[in-house]
């Protein structure tokens, strides 16, 4: 059986109608609108599968990009959480908060 060929499972269930004589005006009108196509069904199937694979690949790439972005954000948040107090104990911060280098009149600022 050829690709795309149509057949019946049980030939006994096929109903055939006998036409007593041919009516040319009706047949002529039908023949004017008749379009006969011989598509390459295998090629159409291949094209369709190719398109589906392309769409699947595109969605998979989008999902991977999204997962990579989320992983990067999580990594950045973890780094910020782990290193939140790194600059608190730097030498500049310690020097600015020490009492060693203050003026003698530093208490006047509070009044």
C-alpha atoms as a PDB file:
ATOM      1  CA  UNK A   1       0.000   0.000   0.000  1.00  0.00           C
ATOM      2  CA  UNK A   2       1.365   3.419  -0.949  1.00  0.00           C
ATOM      3  CA  UNK A   3       1.932   6.213   1.581  1.00  0.00           C
ATOM      4  CA  UNK A   4      -1.318   8.096   2.129  1.00  0.00           C
ATOM      5  CA  UNK A   5      -3.506   5.596   0.256  1.00  0.00           C
ATOM      6  CA  UNK A   6      -7.027   5.187   1.620  1.00  0.00           C
ATOM      7  CA  UNK A   7      -8.754   1.831   1.859  1.00  0.00           C
ATOM      8  CA  UNK A   8     -11.602   0.143   3.705  1.00  0.00           C
ATOM      9  CA  UNK A   9     -11.142  -2.394   6.467  1.00  0.00           C
ATOM     10  CA  UNK A  10     -14.141  -4.453   5.423  1.00  0.00           C
ATOM     11  CA  UNK A  11     -15.136  -4.392   1.731  1.00  0.00           C
ATOM     12  CA  UNK A  12     -18.545  -5.880   2.621  1.00  0.00           C
ATOM     13  CA  UNK A  13     -19.519  -2.676   4.418  1.00  0.00           C
ATOM     14  CA  UNK A  14     -18.863  -0.472   1.368  1.00  0.00           C
ATOM     15  CA  UNK A  15     -22.107   0.916  -0.048  1.00  0.00           C
ATOM     16  CA  UNK A  16     -22.288   1.454  -3.795  1.00  0.00           C
ATOM     17  CA  UNK A  17     -25.048   3.379  -5.520  1.00  0.00           C
ATOM     18  CA  UNK A  18     -26.136   2.506  -9.057  1.00  0.00           C
ATOM     19  CA  UNK A  19     -26.888   5.516 -11.282  1.00  0.00           C
ATOM     20  CA  UNK A  20     -29.413   4.556 -14.027  1.00  0.00           C
ATOM     21  CA  UNK A  21     -28.228   7.071 -16.619  1.00  0.00           C
ATOM     22  CA  UNK A  22     -25.644   9.824 -16.820  1.00  0.00           C
ATOM     23  CA  UNK A  23     -26.751  13.449 -16.480  1.00  0.00           C
ATOM     24  CA  UNK A  24     -24.272  15.499 -18.493  1.00  0.00           C
ATOM     25  CA  UNK A  25     -25.104  19.038 -17.206  1.00  0.00           C
ATOM     26  CA  UNK A  26     -24.398  17.972 -13.632  1.00  0.00           C
ATOM     27  CA  UNK A  27     -21.257  16.069 -14.631  1.00  0.00           C
ATOM     28  CA  UNK A  28     -19.999  19.033 -16.673  1.00  0.00           C
ATOM     29  CA  UNK A  29     -20.432  21.430 -13.727  1.00  0.00           C
ATOM     30  CA  UNK A  30     -18.623  19.001 -11.459  1.00  0.00           C
ATOM     31  CA  UNK A  31     -15.776  18.585 -13.955  1.00  0.00           C
ATOM     32  CA  UNK A  32     -15.276  22.367 -14.131  1.00  0.00           C
ATOM     33  CA  UNK A  33     -14.620  22.541 -10.388  1.00  0.00           C
ATOM     34  CA  UNK A  34     -12.663  19.306 -10.161  1.00  0.00           C
ATOM     35  CA  UNK A  35      -9.105  19.727  -8.923  1.00  0.00           C
ATOM     36  CA  UNK A  36      -6.899  16.689  -9.011  1.00  0.00           C
ATOM     37  CA  UNK A  37      -3.740  16.775  -6.920  1.00  0.00           C
ATOM     38  CA  UNK A  38      -0.929  14.291  -6.557  1.00  0.00           C
ATOM     39  CA  UNK A  39       0.958  15.506  -3.483  1.00  0.00           C
ATOM     40  CA  UNK A  40       4.251  14.053  -2.359  1.00  0.00           C
ATOM     41  CA  UNK A  41       3.026  12.867   1.022  1.00  0.00           C
ATOM     42  CA  UNK A  42       6.413  11.637   2.161  1.00  0.00           C
ATOM     43  CA  UNK A  43       7.938  15.066   1.482  1.00  0.00           C
ATOM     44  CA  UNK A  44       5.094  16.810   3.311  1.00  0.00           C
ATOM     45  CA  UNK A  45       5.574  14.496   6.289  1.00  0.00           C
ATOM     46  CA  UNK A  46       9.328  15.173   6.315  1.00  0.00           C
ATOM     47  CA  UNK A  47       8.738  18.938   6.121  1.00  0.00           C
ATOM     48  CA  UNK A  48       6.247  18.812   8.969  1.00  0.00           C
ATOM     49  CA  UNK A  49       8.582  16.772  11.176  1.00  0.00           C
ATOM     50  CA  UNK A  50      11.445  19.131  10.349  1.00  0.00           C
ATOM     51  CA  UNK A  51       9.338  22.123  11.388  1.00  0.00           C
ATOM     52  CA  UNK A  52       8.316  20.392  14.633  1.00  0.00           C
ATOM     53  CA  UNK A  53      11.952  19.580  15.436  1.00  0.00           C
ATOM     54  CA  UNK A  54      12.910  23.205  14.768  1.00  0.00           C
ATOM     55  CA  UNK A  55      10.183  24.469  17.124  1.00  0.00           C
ATOM     56  CA  UNK A  56      11.168  21.945  19.806  1.00  0.00           C
ATOM     57  CA  UNK A  57      14.804  22.962  19.509  1.00  0.00           C
ATOM     58  CA  UNK A  58      13.851  26.647  19.798  1.00  0.00           C
ATOM     59  CA  UNK A  59      11.761  26.048  22.929  1.00  0.00           C
ATOM     60  CA  UNK A  60      14.521  23.925  24.435  1.00  0.00           C
ATOM     61  CA  UNK A  61      17.098  26.652  23.802  1.00  0.00           C
ATOM     62  CA  UNK A  62      14.784  29.256  25.328  1.00  0.00           C
ATOM     63  CA  UNK A  63      14.279  27.048  28.381  1.00  0.00           C
ATOM     64  CA  UNK A  64      18.042  26.523  28.729  1.00  0.00           C
ATOM     65  CA  UNK A  65      18.665  30.279  28.483  1.00  0.00           C
ATOM     66  CA  UNK A  66      16.042  30.908  31.158  1.00  0.00           C
ATOM     67  CA  UNK A  67      17.543  28.232  33.428  1.00  0.00           C
ATOM     68  CA  UNK A  68      21.022  29.709  32.924  1.00  0.00           C
ATOM     69  CA  UNK A  69      19.723  33.195  33.788  1.00  0.00           C
ATOM     70  CA  UNK A  70      18.031  31.893  36.941  1.00  0.00           C
ATOM     71  CA  UNK A  71      21.169  29.993  37.957  1.00  0.00           C
ATOM     72  CA  UNK A  72      23.253  33.136  37.444  1.00  0.00           C
ATOM     73  CA  UNK A  73      20.853  35.196  39.574  1.00  0.00           C
ATOM     74  CA  UNK A  74      20.946  32.585  42.335  1.00  0.00           C
ATOM     75  CA  UNK A  75      24.727  32.518  42.208  1.00  0.00           C
ATOM     76  CA  UNK A  76      24.884  36.319  42.467  1.00  0.00           C
ATOM     77  CA  UNK A  77      22.448  36.351  45.404  1.00  0.00           C
ATOM     78  CA  UNK A  78      24.432  33.640  47.174  1.00  0.00           C
ATOM     79  CA  UNK A  79      27.643  35.609  46.646  1.00  0.00           C
ATOM     80  CA  UNK A  80      26.018  38.787  47.997  1.00  0.00           C
ATOM     81  CA  UNK A  81      24.662  36.895  50.995  1.00  0.00           C
ATOM     82  CA  UNK A  82      28.039  35.270  51.738  1.00  0.00           C
ATOM     83  CA  UNK A  83      30.054  38.465  51.254  1.00  0.00           C
ATOM     84  CA  UNK A  84      27.649  41.038  52.697  1.00  0.00           C
ATOM     85  CA  UNK A  85      29.990  42.073  55.526  1.00  0.00           C
ATOM     86  CA  UNK A  86      33.297  41.950  53.659  1.00  0.00           C
ATOM     87  CA  UNK A  87      33.582  45.721  53.293  1.00  0.00           C
ATOM     88  CA  UNK A  88      32.476  46.314  56.896  1.00  0.00           C
ATOM     89  CA  UNK A  89      35.832  45.214  58.301  1.00  0.00           C
ATOM     90  CA  UNK A  90      38.009  46.814  55.656  1.00  0.00           C
ATOM     91  CA  UNK A  91      40.835  49.079  56.792  1.00  0.00           C
ATOM     92  CA  UNK A  92      39.090  52.205  55.528  1.00  0.00           C
ATOM     93  CA  UNK A  93      35.939  51.467  57.521  1.00  0.00           C
ATOM     94  CA  UNK A  94      37.904  50.661  60.646  1.00  0.00           C
ATOM     95  CA  UNK A  95      40.025  53.801  60.286  1.00  0.00           C
ATOM     96  CA  UNK A  96      37.003  56.056  59.788  1.00  0.00           C
ATOM     97  CA  UNK A  97      35.278  54.727  62.904  1.00  0.00           C
ATOM     98  CA  UNK A  98      38.330  54.741  65.204  1.00  0.00           C
ATOM     99  CA  UNK A  99      38.849  57.357  67.908  1.00  0.00           C
ATOM    100  CA  UNK A 100      42.592  57.658  67.303  1.00  0.00           C
ATOM    101  CA  UNK A 101      42.479  60.325  64.622  1.00  0.00           C
ATOM    102  CA  UNK A 102      39.685  62.547  65.992  1.00  0.00           C
ATOM    103  CA  UNK A 103      39.960  66.177  66.944  1.00  0.00           C
ATOM    104  CA  UNK A 104      39.949  67.169  70.556  1.00  0.00           C
ATOM    105  CA  UNK A 105      36.673  69.047  69.978  1.00  0.00           C
ATOM    106  CA  UNK A 106      34.737  66.128  68.494  1.00  0.00           C
ATOM    107  CA  UNK A 107      32.199  66.322  71.314  1.00  0.00           C
ATOM    108  CA  UNK A 108      31.152  69.806  70.174  1.00  0.00           C
ATOM    109  CA  UNK A 109      29.499  68.271  67.147  1.00  0.00           C
ATOM    110  CA  UNK A 110      26.882  66.661  69.346  1.00  0.00           C
ATOM    111  CA  UNK A 111      25.611  69.884  70.893  1.00  0.00           C
END
